[in-house]
C-alpha cells in the first residue's frame, strides 16, 4: 500500500475484471451489428467467424521489406544457400467467401499484385501461398481458425506441401513429403 504497487495492481486487475464485463461486451457487439456496422474493434463480423479488419495496403513499406529480403536472399544464394520467399495471406486474403458482402477484395488484390511483382524479381524462389490456401478454403476446408488469424494444422500442412514442391532437389533427394496423417 505504501509503495503504491497495491493501487496500480488493483487498477490493472479491475480494468479487465469489472462486474458484468461479458454482458457489456455482448451488448456493445450486438448494438454495433444492429446499427449495420460490419466490424467492432478492428474485427469484422463474417458469416460464421471473426476476421481481423483489412487495412489498406502499404506498398511503400512492402517495397522496403521486399528489398531487404531480396538483399538477404542474394547474400545467402551467393554462399550456396537456397532461399524461398513464401508469402502467406491473412485470413481476409484467403477466406474471401466468409467476408461480409460489402468488403470487396480490390485492396487485397492490389497488394498481392505488388507482392507478386516483387516476388518475380526476388533473387531466390518465390511462392505465393495465398493461391493454394484460397483454393482449399473455397473448397470448404478449414485452413484458418474461425476466431483468429492463425493457420489450422491442416492449413500449415498445405503450406508445408507447397514449400516441399519448390525446395531444390539437392535438399529433398532421397526423402519424401510427409503424409497428412
N, C-alpha and C. Protein backbone atom coordinates (compact mmCIF):
# COMPACT_ATOMS: atom_id res chain seq x y z
N UNK A 1 0.82 -1.19 0.00
CA UNK A 1 0.00 0.00 0.00
C UNK A 1 0.87 1.26 0.00
N UNK A 2 1.90 1.26 0.83
CA UNK A 2 2.74 2.45 0.94
C UNK A 2 3.64 2.64 -0.29
N UNK A 3 4.04 1.56 -0.94
CA UNK A 3 4.91 1.69 -2.12
C UNK A 3 4.12 2.09 -3.37
N UNK A 4 2.81 1.94 -3.35
CA UNK A 4 1.99 2.30 -4.50
C UNK A 4 1.70 1.16 -5.44
N UNK A 5 2.33 0.02 -5.24
CA UNK A 5 2.09 -1.10 -6.15
C UNK A 5 0.72 -1.71 -5.95
N UNK A 6 0.18 -1.65 -4.74
CA UNK A 6 -1.14 -2.23 -4.48
C UNK A 6 -2.20 -1.53 -5.34
N UNK A 7 -2.19 -0.22 -5.33
CA UNK A 7 -3.22 0.51 -6.08
C UNK A 7 -3.04 0.34 -7.59
N UNK A 8 -1.79 0.29 -8.06
CA UNK A 8 -1.59 0.09 -9.50
C UNK A 8 -1.98 -1.32 -9.90
N UNK A 9 -1.67 -2.31 -9.04
CA UNK A 9 -2.08 -3.69 -9.32
C UNK A 9 -3.60 -3.81 -9.31
N UNK A 10 -4.27 -3.14 -8.36
CA UNK A 10 -5.72 -3.18 -8.27
C UNK A 10 -6.36 -2.53 -9.50
N UNK A 11 -5.79 -1.42 -9.95
CA UNK A 11 -6.30 -0.75 -11.14
C UNK A 11 -6.17 -1.65 -12.36
N UNK A 12 -5.03 -2.30 -12.50
CA UNK A 12 -4.81 -3.22 -13.62
C UNK A 12 -5.80 -4.38 -13.57
N UNK A 13 -6.04 -4.93 -12.39
CA UNK A 13 -6.97 -6.04 -12.24
C UNK A 13 -8.38 -5.61 -12.59
N UNK A 14 -8.82 -4.48 -12.08
CA UNK A 14 -10.19 -4.03 -12.30
C UNK A 14 -10.44 -3.60 -13.73
N UNK A 15 -9.41 -3.16 -14.43
CA UNK A 15 -9.61 -2.73 -15.82
C UNK A 15 -10.05 -3.89 -16.70
N UNK A 16 -9.71 -5.10 -16.31
CA UNK A 16 -10.11 -6.26 -17.10
C UNK A 16 -11.13 -7.13 -16.37
N UNK A 17 -11.41 -6.84 -15.13
CA UNK A 17 -12.26 -7.72 -14.33
C UNK A 17 -13.43 -6.98 -13.70
N UNK A 18 -14.01 -6.00 -14.36
CA UNK A 18 -15.11 -5.29 -13.73
C UNK A 18 -16.39 -6.11 -13.81
N UNK A 19 -17.32 -5.88 -12.90
CA UNK A 19 -18.55 -6.67 -12.86
C UNK A 19 -19.35 -6.58 -14.16
N UNK A 20 -19.90 -7.69 -14.61
CA UNK A 20 -20.75 -7.79 -15.80
C UNK A 20 -20.01 -7.43 -17.08
N UNK A 21 -18.69 -7.60 -17.10
CA UNK A 21 -17.88 -7.24 -18.27
C UNK A 21 -18.38 -7.97 -19.52
N UNK A 22 -18.56 -9.29 -19.42
CA UNK A 22 -19.00 -10.08 -20.58
C UNK A 22 -20.35 -9.58 -21.10
N UNK A 23 -21.25 -9.23 -20.19
CA UNK A 23 -22.56 -8.71 -20.59
C UNK A 23 -22.39 -7.44 -21.42
N UNK A 24 -21.56 -6.52 -20.94
CA UNK A 24 -21.36 -5.26 -21.65
C UNK A 24 -20.67 -5.46 -22.99
N UNK A 25 -19.77 -6.41 -23.07
CA UNK A 25 -19.11 -6.71 -24.35
C UNK A 25 -20.14 -7.21 -25.36
N UNK A 26 -21.04 -8.09 -24.92
CA UNK A 26 -22.09 -8.62 -25.80
C UNK A 26 -23.04 -7.50 -26.23
N UNK A 27 -23.42 -6.64 -25.28
CA UNK A 27 -24.32 -5.52 -25.60
C UNK A 27 -23.69 -4.61 -26.63
N UNK A 28 -22.41 -4.28 -26.47
CA UNK A 28 -21.73 -3.40 -27.42
C UNK A 28 -21.66 -4.04 -28.80
N UNK A 29 -21.26 -5.31 -28.86
CA UNK A 29 -21.16 -6.00 -30.15
C UNK A 29 -22.53 -6.11 -30.81
N UNK A 30 -23.56 -6.41 -30.03
CA UNK A 30 -24.91 -6.53 -30.58
C UNK A 30 -25.41 -5.19 -31.11
N UNK A 31 -25.13 -4.11 -30.38
CA UNK A 31 -25.57 -2.79 -30.84
C UNK A 31 -24.84 -2.39 -32.12
N UNK A 32 -23.57 -2.76 -32.23
CA UNK A 32 -22.82 -2.47 -33.46
C UNK A 32 -23.47 -3.19 -34.65
N UNK A 33 -23.86 -4.43 -34.44
CA UNK A 33 -24.49 -5.19 -35.53
C UNK A 33 -25.85 -4.62 -35.88
N UNK A 34 -26.63 -4.22 -34.84
CA UNK A 34 -27.96 -3.66 -35.09
C UNK A 34 -27.87 -2.34 -35.85
N UNK A 35 -26.79 -1.61 -35.65
CA UNK A 35 -26.59 -0.35 -36.37
C UNK A 35 -26.08 -0.56 -37.79
N UNK A 36 -25.85 -1.81 -38.16
CA UNK A 36 -25.41 -2.13 -39.51
C UNK A 36 -23.92 -2.08 -39.70
N UNK A 37 -23.19 -1.93 -38.63
CA UNK A 37 -21.73 -1.91 -38.75
C UNK A 37 -21.23 -3.32 -39.01
N UNK A 38 -20.18 -3.40 -39.80
CA UNK A 38 -19.65 -4.72 -40.16
C UNK A 38 -18.41 -5.09 -39.37
N UNK A 39 -18.04 -4.24 -38.41
CA UNK A 39 -16.87 -4.57 -37.60
C UNK A 39 -17.00 -3.94 -36.22
N UNK A 40 -16.23 -4.48 -35.30
CA UNK A 40 -16.22 -3.98 -33.93
C UNK A 40 -14.80 -4.12 -33.40
N UNK A 41 -14.18 -3.01 -33.08
CA UNK A 41 -12.84 -3.06 -32.52
C UNK A 41 -11.81 -3.64 -33.47
N UNK A 42 -11.96 -3.39 -34.76
CA UNK A 42 -10.99 -3.89 -35.74
C UNK A 42 -11.22 -5.33 -36.17
N UNK A 43 -12.35 -5.93 -35.74
CA UNK A 43 -12.66 -7.30 -36.11
C UNK A 43 -13.96 -7.29 -36.91
N UNK A 44 -13.93 -7.91 -38.10
CA UNK A 44 -15.11 -7.94 -38.96
C UNK A 44 -16.04 -9.08 -38.54
N UNK A 45 -17.34 -8.81 -38.62
CA UNK A 45 -18.34 -9.85 -38.42
C UNK A 45 -18.50 -10.58 -39.75
N UNK A 46 -18.16 -11.83 -39.78
CA UNK A 46 -18.27 -12.61 -41.01
C UNK A 46 -19.38 -13.64 -40.85
N UNK A 47 -19.53 -14.50 -41.84
CA UNK A 47 -20.61 -15.48 -41.81
C UNK A 47 -20.62 -16.31 -40.53
N UNK A 48 -19.54 -17.02 -40.27
CA UNK A 48 -19.51 -17.88 -39.08
C UNK A 48 -18.17 -17.77 -38.36
N UNK A 49 -17.51 -16.64 -38.52
CA UNK A 49 -16.20 -16.48 -37.90
C UNK A 49 -15.91 -15.01 -37.66
N UNK A 50 -14.77 -14.75 -37.08
CA UNK A 50 -14.29 -13.39 -36.88
C UNK A 50 -13.01 -13.24 -37.68
N UNK A 51 -12.84 -12.12 -38.34
CA UNK A 51 -11.65 -11.88 -39.15
C UNK A 51 -11.14 -10.47 -38.87
N UNK A 52 -9.84 -10.34 -38.71
CA UNK A 52 -9.25 -9.02 -38.48
C UNK A 52 -9.54 -8.12 -39.67
N UNK A 53 -9.75 -6.86 -39.38
CA UNK A 53 -10.07 -5.88 -40.41
C UNK A 53 -8.97 -5.82 -41.46
N UNK A 54 -9.37 -5.62 -42.68
CA UNK A 54 -8.41 -5.42 -43.77
C UNK A 54 -7.99 -3.96 -43.78
N UNK A 55 -6.74 -3.73 -43.77
CA UNK A 55 -6.24 -2.37 -43.87
C UNK A 55 -5.80 -2.11 -45.30
N UNK A 56 -5.75 -0.85 -45.66
CA UNK A 56 -5.27 -0.50 -46.99
C UNK A 56 -3.82 -0.91 -47.13
N UNK A 57 -3.44 -1.37 -48.31
CA UNK A 57 -2.07 -1.82 -48.50
C UNK A 57 -1.05 -0.71 -48.35
N UNK A 58 0.05 -1.03 -47.72
CA UNK A 58 1.15 -0.10 -47.54
C UNK A 58 2.26 -0.54 -48.48
N UNK A 59 2.16 -0.15 -49.76
CA UNK A 59 3.12 -0.63 -50.76
C UNK A 59 4.52 -0.04 -50.55
N UNK A 60 4.60 1.12 -49.91
CA UNK A 60 5.92 1.70 -49.64
C UNK A 60 6.68 0.82 -48.63
N UNK A 61 6.00 0.43 -47.58
CA UNK A 61 6.61 -0.45 -46.57
C UNK A 61 6.89 -1.82 -47.18
N UNK A 62 6.00 -2.28 -48.05
CA UNK A 62 6.21 -3.56 -48.73
C UNK A 62 7.50 -3.52 -49.54
N UNK A 63 7.73 -2.44 -50.26
CA UNK A 63 8.96 -2.32 -51.06
C UNK A 63 10.20 -2.38 -50.17
N UNK A 64 10.18 -1.67 -49.05
CA UNK A 64 11.32 -1.68 -48.13
C UNK A 64 11.58 -3.10 -47.64
N UNK A 65 10.53 -3.80 -47.23
CA UNK A 65 10.68 -5.17 -46.71
C UNK A 65 11.14 -6.14 -47.79
N UNK A 66 10.57 -6.02 -48.98
CA UNK A 66 10.96 -6.93 -50.07
C UNK A 66 12.39 -6.67 -50.53
N UNK A 67 12.81 -5.42 -50.55
CA UNK A 67 14.20 -5.11 -50.91
C UNK A 67 15.16 -5.72 -49.88
N UNK A 68 14.81 -5.60 -48.61
CA UNK A 68 15.66 -6.17 -47.56
C UNK A 68 15.70 -7.69 -47.67
N UNK A 69 14.55 -8.32 -47.92
CA UNK A 69 14.52 -9.78 -48.07
C UNK A 69 15.32 -10.22 -49.29
N UNK A 70 15.23 -9.47 -50.37
CA UNK A 70 15.97 -9.82 -51.58
C UNK A 70 17.48 -9.67 -51.39
N UNK A 71 17.89 -8.63 -50.68
CA UNK A 71 19.32 -8.43 -50.39
C UNK A 71 19.84 -9.58 -49.53
N UNK A 72 19.07 -9.95 -48.51
CA UNK A 72 19.44 -11.06 -47.64
C UNK A 72 19.51 -12.37 -48.44
N UNK A 73 18.51 -12.59 -49.28
CA UNK A 73 18.48 -13.80 -50.10
C UNK A 73 19.66 -13.87 -51.06
N UNK A 74 19.99 -12.75 -51.68
CA UNK A 74 21.12 -12.72 -52.63
C UNK A 74 22.42 -13.10 -51.92
N UNK A 75 22.61 -12.60 -50.70
CA UNK A 75 23.81 -12.94 -49.95
C UNK A 75 23.86 -14.43 -49.64
N UNK A 76 22.73 -15.01 -49.27
CA UNK A 76 22.68 -16.45 -49.00
C UNK A 76 22.89 -17.26 -50.26
N UNK A 77 22.22 -16.86 -51.33
CA UNK A 77 22.36 -17.57 -52.60
C UNK A 77 23.81 -17.55 -53.09
N UNK A 78 24.50 -16.42 -52.92
CA UNK A 78 25.91 -16.32 -53.30
C UNK A 78 26.79 -17.26 -52.48
N UNK A 79 26.34 -17.62 -51.29
CA UNK A 79 27.06 -18.56 -50.44
C UNK A 79 26.61 -20.00 -50.66
N UNK A 80 25.74 -20.20 -51.64
CA UNK A 80 25.28 -21.55 -51.95
C UNK A 80 24.10 -22.02 -51.12
N UNK A 81 23.46 -21.12 -50.42
CA UNK A 81 22.32 -21.48 -49.58
C UNK A 81 21.04 -21.04 -50.31
N UNK A 82 20.22 -22.00 -50.73
CA UNK A 82 18.99 -21.64 -51.45
C UNK A 82 17.98 -20.98 -50.52
N UNK A 83 17.22 -20.04 -51.06
CA UNK A 83 16.19 -19.36 -50.27
C UNK A 83 14.85 -19.42 -51.00
N UNK A 84 13.80 -19.39 -50.20
CA UNK A 84 12.43 -19.35 -50.73
C UNK A 84 11.69 -18.26 -49.98
N UNK A 85 11.10 -17.36 -50.71
CA UNK A 85 10.23 -16.35 -50.13
C UNK A 85 8.81 -16.89 -50.27
N UNK A 86 8.24 -17.34 -49.16
CA UNK A 86 6.90 -17.90 -49.15
C UNK A 86 5.99 -16.92 -48.41
N UNK A 87 5.08 -16.30 -49.14
CA UNK A 87 4.21 -15.29 -48.55
C UNK A 87 2.83 -15.90 -48.36
N UNK A 88 2.37 -15.88 -47.12
CA UNK A 88 1.06 -16.44 -46.79
C UNK A 88 0.07 -15.31 -46.58
N UNK A 89 -1.09 -15.46 -47.09
CA UNK A 89 -2.12 -14.44 -46.91
C UNK A 89 -2.72 -14.48 -45.52
N UNK A 90 -3.29 -13.36 -45.15
CA UNK A 90 -4.06 -13.29 -43.92
C UNK A 90 -5.40 -13.98 -44.15
N UNK A 91 -6.12 -14.22 -43.10
CA UNK A 91 -7.44 -14.84 -43.24
C UNK A 91 -8.31 -14.04 -44.21
N UNK A 92 -8.23 -12.71 -44.13
CA UNK A 92 -9.04 -11.86 -45.01
C UNK A 92 -8.60 -11.98 -46.47
N UNK A 93 -7.37 -12.39 -46.73
CA UNK A 93 -6.88 -12.58 -48.10
C UNK A 93 -7.27 -13.93 -48.66
N UNK A 94 -7.42 -14.90 -47.78
CA UNK A 94 -7.62 -16.29 -48.21
C UNK A 94 -9.08 -16.72 -48.15
N UNK A 95 -9.74 -16.45 -47.06
CA UNK A 95 -11.11 -16.93 -46.83
C UNK A 95 -12.12 -15.87 -47.26
N UNK A 96 -12.08 -15.50 -48.53
CA UNK A 96 -12.90 -14.39 -49.00
C UNK A 96 -14.39 -14.72 -49.03
N UNK A 97 -14.74 -15.99 -49.11
CA UNK A 97 -16.15 -16.37 -49.12
C UNK A 97 -16.84 -16.08 -47.79
N UNK A 98 -16.05 -15.92 -46.73
CA UNK A 98 -16.64 -15.68 -45.41
C UNK A 98 -16.72 -14.21 -45.06
N UNK A 99 -16.18 -13.33 -45.91
CA UNK A 99 -16.18 -11.90 -45.60
C UNK A 99 -17.57 -11.31 -45.77
N UNK A 100 -17.86 -10.22 -45.06
CA UNK A 100 -19.15 -9.54 -45.25
C UNK A 100 -19.30 -9.10 -46.71
N UNK A 101 -20.53 -9.01 -47.19
CA UNK A 101 -20.77 -8.73 -48.61
C UNK A 101 -20.14 -7.44 -49.14
N UNK A 102 -20.09 -6.40 -48.34
CA UNK A 102 -19.58 -5.12 -48.84
C UNK A 102 -18.08 -4.98 -48.73
N UNK A 103 -17.39 -5.97 -48.20
CA UNK A 103 -15.94 -5.92 -48.13
C UNK A 103 -15.39 -6.62 -49.37
N UNK A 104 -15.11 -5.86 -50.38
CA UNK A 104 -14.56 -6.44 -51.60
C UNK A 104 -13.10 -6.81 -51.41
N UNK A 105 -12.50 -7.31 -52.46
CA UNK A 105 -11.09 -7.71 -52.36
C UNK A 105 -10.20 -6.87 -53.26
N UNK A 106 -10.64 -5.66 -53.62
CA UNK A 106 -9.86 -4.79 -54.50
C UNK A 106 -8.54 -4.41 -53.85
N UNK A 107 -8.59 -3.99 -52.57
CA UNK A 107 -7.35 -3.60 -51.88
C UNK A 107 -6.40 -4.77 -51.75
N UNK A 108 -6.94 -5.95 -51.39
CA UNK A 108 -6.07 -7.12 -51.27
C UNK A 108 -5.44 -7.48 -52.60
N UNK A 109 -6.23 -7.43 -53.66
CA UNK A 109 -5.68 -7.78 -54.97
C UNK A 109 -4.58 -6.82 -55.38
N UNK A 110 -4.75 -5.54 -55.07
CA UNK A 110 -3.71 -4.55 -55.38
C UNK A 110 -2.43 -4.88 -54.61
N UNK A 111 -2.58 -5.21 -53.33
CA UNK A 111 -1.43 -5.57 -52.52
C UNK A 111 -0.76 -6.83 -53.06
N UNK A 112 -1.55 -7.85 -53.39
CA UNK A 112 -0.97 -9.09 -53.88
C UNK A 112 -0.36 -8.95 -55.26
N UNK A 113 -0.88 -8.06 -56.08
CA UNK A 113 -0.24 -7.77 -57.36
C UNK A 113 1.17 -7.21 -57.12
N UNK A 114 1.29 -6.32 -56.13
CA UNK A 114 2.60 -5.75 -55.79
C UNK A 114 3.52 -6.83 -55.21
N UNK A 115 2.98 -7.68 -54.34
CA UNK A 115 3.79 -8.77 -53.77
C UNK A 115 4.30 -9.68 -54.88
N UNK A 116 3.41 -10.05 -55.81
CA UNK A 116 3.82 -10.92 -56.92
C UNK A 116 4.88 -10.26 -57.79
N UNK A 117 4.75 -8.96 -58.02
CA UNK A 117 5.74 -8.24 -58.81
C UNK A 117 7.11 -8.31 -58.15
N UNK A 118 7.16 -8.03 -56.84
CA UNK A 118 8.43 -8.12 -56.11
C UNK A 118 8.91 -9.56 -56.04
N UNK A 119 7.99 -10.48 -55.90
CA UNK A 119 8.36 -11.90 -55.83
C UNK A 119 9.01 -12.38 -57.11
N UNK A 120 8.53 -11.89 -58.24
CA UNK A 120 9.12 -12.27 -59.53
C UNK A 120 10.55 -11.76 -59.67
N UNK A 121 10.87 -10.66 -58.98
CA UNK A 121 12.22 -10.09 -59.02
C UNK A 121 13.10 -10.61 -57.89
N UNK A 122 12.56 -11.44 -57.03
CA UNK A 122 13.28 -11.94 -55.86
C UNK A 122 14.44 -12.81 -56.30
N UNK A 123 15.56 -12.72 -55.60
CA UNK A 123 16.76 -13.45 -56.02
C UNK A 123 16.65 -14.96 -55.81
N UNK A 124 15.84 -15.40 -54.87
CA UNK A 124 15.62 -16.83 -54.64
C UNK A 124 14.30 -17.24 -55.27
N UNK A 125 13.78 -18.36 -54.80
CA UNK A 125 12.48 -18.82 -55.28
C UNK A 125 11.37 -18.03 -54.59
N UNK A 126 10.24 -17.86 -55.27
CA UNK A 126 9.10 -17.14 -54.71
C UNK A 126 7.88 -18.06 -54.74
N UNK A 127 7.16 -18.07 -53.65
CA UNK A 127 5.97 -18.91 -53.53
C UNK A 127 4.84 -18.09 -52.94
N UNK A 128 3.77 -17.96 -53.68
CA UNK A 128 2.57 -17.25 -53.22
C UNK A 128 1.64 -18.30 -52.61
N UNK A 129 1.62 -18.38 -51.28
CA UNK A 129 0.79 -19.37 -50.59
C UNK A 129 -0.68 -18.99 -50.55
N UNK A 130 -0.99 -17.76 -50.89
CA UNK A 130 -2.39 -17.32 -50.88
C UNK A 130 -3.24 -18.15 -51.83
N UNK A 131 -2.69 -18.46 -52.99
CA UNK A 131 -3.46 -19.15 -54.03
C UNK A 131 -3.87 -20.55 -53.60
N UNK A 132 -2.94 -21.43 -53.21
CA UNK A 132 -3.38 -22.77 -52.82
C UNK A 132 -4.24 -22.79 -51.55
N UNK A 133 -3.95 -21.90 -50.61
CA UNK A 133 -4.78 -21.86 -49.40
C UNK A 133 -6.17 -21.33 -49.71
N UNK A 134 -6.26 -20.39 -50.64
CA UNK A 134 -7.57 -19.87 -51.05
C UNK A 134 -8.39 -20.96 -51.73
N UNK A 135 -7.73 -21.76 -52.56
CA UNK A 135 -8.44 -22.87 -53.22
C UNK A 135 -8.98 -23.86 -52.20
N UNK A 136 -8.17 -24.17 -51.19
CA UNK A 136 -8.60 -25.11 -50.14
C UNK A 136 -9.75 -24.54 -49.32
N UNK A 137 -9.65 -23.24 -49.01
CA UNK A 137 -10.71 -22.59 -48.23
C UNK A 137 -12.01 -22.54 -49.04
N UNK A 138 -11.90 -22.26 -50.34
CA UNK A 138 -13.09 -22.20 -51.20
C UNK A 138 -13.75 -23.58 -51.31
N UNK A 139 -12.95 -24.63 -51.15
CA UNK A 139 -13.48 -26.00 -51.20
C UNK A 139 -14.11 -26.41 -49.86
N UNK A 140 -14.11 -25.48 -48.90
CA UNK A 140 -14.75 -25.75 -47.62
C UNK A 140 -13.83 -26.29 -46.53
N UNK A 141 -12.53 -26.32 -46.81
CA UNK A 141 -11.60 -26.82 -45.80
C UNK A 141 -11.23 -25.70 -44.83
N UNK A 142 -11.08 -26.04 -43.56
CA UNK A 142 -10.74 -25.07 -42.52
C UNK A 142 -9.22 -24.90 -42.47
N UNK A 143 -8.70 -23.95 -43.21
CA UNK A 143 -7.26 -23.72 -43.23
C UNK A 143 -6.84 -22.63 -42.25
N UNK A 144 -7.81 -21.86 -41.76
CA UNK A 144 -7.59 -20.86 -40.71
C UNK A 144 -8.60 -21.13 -39.60
N UNK A 145 -8.21 -20.81 -38.38
CA UNK A 145 -9.15 -20.92 -37.27
C UNK A 145 -10.28 -19.92 -37.47
N UNK A 146 -11.47 -20.26 -37.02
CA UNK A 146 -12.64 -19.41 -37.22
C UNK A 146 -12.56 -18.10 -36.45
N UNK A 147 -11.91 -18.10 -35.31
CA UNK A 147 -11.92 -16.90 -34.47
C UNK A 147 -10.57 -16.22 -34.37
N UNK A 148 -9.64 -16.59 -35.24
CA UNK A 148 -8.37 -15.88 -35.20
C UNK A 148 -7.66 -16.00 -36.52
N UNK A 149 -6.48 -15.43 -36.64
CA UNK A 149 -5.80 -15.30 -37.93
C UNK A 149 -4.73 -16.36 -38.16
N UNK A 150 -4.67 -17.37 -37.34
CA UNK A 150 -3.63 -18.39 -37.50
C UNK A 150 -4.13 -19.57 -38.33
N UNK A 151 -3.16 -20.21 -38.99
CA UNK A 151 -3.48 -21.42 -39.72
C UNK A 151 -3.93 -22.51 -38.76
N UNK A 152 -4.80 -23.37 -39.24
CA UNK A 152 -5.06 -24.62 -38.53
C UNK A 152 -3.91 -25.56 -38.86
N UNK A 153 -3.87 -26.70 -38.23
CA UNK A 153 -2.84 -27.69 -38.58
C UNK A 153 -2.97 -28.10 -40.04
N UNK A 154 -4.20 -28.16 -40.53
CA UNK A 154 -4.43 -28.51 -41.93
C UNK A 154 -3.86 -27.43 -42.86
N UNK A 155 -4.10 -26.16 -42.53
CA UNK A 155 -3.55 -25.06 -43.32
C UNK A 155 -2.03 -25.07 -43.32
N UNK A 156 -1.45 -25.36 -42.16
CA UNK A 156 0.01 -25.43 -42.06
C UNK A 156 0.55 -26.59 -42.90
N UNK A 157 -0.17 -27.71 -42.92
CA UNK A 157 0.26 -28.84 -43.73
C UNK A 157 0.25 -28.47 -45.22
N UNK A 158 -0.80 -27.80 -45.67
CA UNK A 158 -0.86 -27.42 -47.08
C UNK A 158 0.27 -26.46 -47.44
N UNK A 159 0.60 -25.55 -46.54
CA UNK A 159 1.73 -24.65 -46.79
C UNK A 159 3.03 -25.45 -46.88
N UNK A 160 3.20 -26.40 -45.97
CA UNK A 160 4.38 -27.28 -45.99
C UNK A 160 4.46 -28.02 -47.32
N UNK A 161 3.34 -28.55 -47.79
CA UNK A 161 3.34 -29.31 -49.04
C UNK A 161 3.73 -28.42 -50.22
N UNK A 162 3.26 -27.19 -50.22
CA UNK A 162 3.63 -26.25 -51.28
C UNK A 162 5.11 -25.91 -51.22
N UNK A 163 5.63 -25.71 -50.02
CA UNK A 163 7.06 -25.43 -49.86
C UNK A 163 7.90 -26.62 -50.33
N UNK A 164 7.46 -27.81 -50.01
CA UNK A 164 8.18 -29.02 -50.40
C UNK A 164 8.39 -29.06 -51.92
N UNK A 165 7.36 -28.63 -52.64
CA UNK A 165 7.41 -28.68 -54.10
C UNK A 165 8.45 -27.74 -54.70
N UNK A 166 8.80 -26.66 -54.01
CA UNK A 166 9.76 -25.71 -54.57
C UNK A 166 11.15 -25.84 -53.95
N UNK A 167 11.29 -26.73 -52.98
CA UNK A 167 12.62 -26.97 -52.42
C UNK A 167 13.53 -27.55 -53.49
N UNK A 168 14.79 -27.15 -53.52
CA UNK A 168 15.72 -27.73 -54.50
C UNK A 168 15.86 -29.23 -54.29
N UNK A 169 16.01 -29.95 -55.39
CA UNK A 169 16.14 -31.41 -55.32
C UNK A 169 17.35 -31.82 -54.49
N UNK A 170 18.36 -30.98 -54.46
CA UNK A 170 19.55 -31.30 -53.66
C UNK A 170 19.22 -31.41 -52.18
N UNK A 171 18.15 -30.76 -51.74
CA UNK A 171 17.75 -30.83 -50.34
C UNK A 171 16.77 -31.96 -50.05
N UNK A 172 16.02 -32.37 -51.06
CA UNK A 172 14.98 -33.38 -50.85
C UNK A 172 15.35 -34.75 -51.40
N UNK A 173 16.51 -34.87 -52.00
CA UNK A 173 16.93 -36.13 -52.60
C UNK A 173 16.88 -37.27 -51.58
N UNK A 174 16.20 -38.33 -51.96
CA UNK A 174 16.08 -39.50 -51.09
C UNK A 174 15.03 -39.36 -50.01
N UNK A 175 14.29 -38.27 -50.00
CA UNK A 175 13.24 -38.07 -48.99
C UNK A 175 11.90 -37.90 -49.69
N UNK A 176 10.85 -38.19 -48.95
CA UNK A 176 9.51 -38.00 -49.46
C UNK A 176 8.75 -37.06 -48.56
N UNK A 177 7.78 -36.38 -49.16
CA UNK A 177 6.96 -35.50 -48.35
C UNK A 177 6.16 -36.32 -47.34
N UNK A 178 5.99 -35.77 -46.15
CA UNK A 178 5.22 -36.47 -45.13
C UNK A 178 3.75 -36.47 -45.51
N UNK A 179 3.07 -37.54 -45.22
CA UNK A 179 1.65 -37.65 -45.49
C UNK A 179 0.88 -36.79 -44.48
N UNK A 180 -0.32 -36.44 -44.84
CA UNK A 180 -1.16 -35.62 -43.98
C UNK A 180 -1.38 -36.25 -42.61
N UNK A 181 -1.50 -37.55 -42.56
CA UNK A 181 -1.76 -38.21 -41.26
C UNK A 181 -0.53 -38.17 -40.38
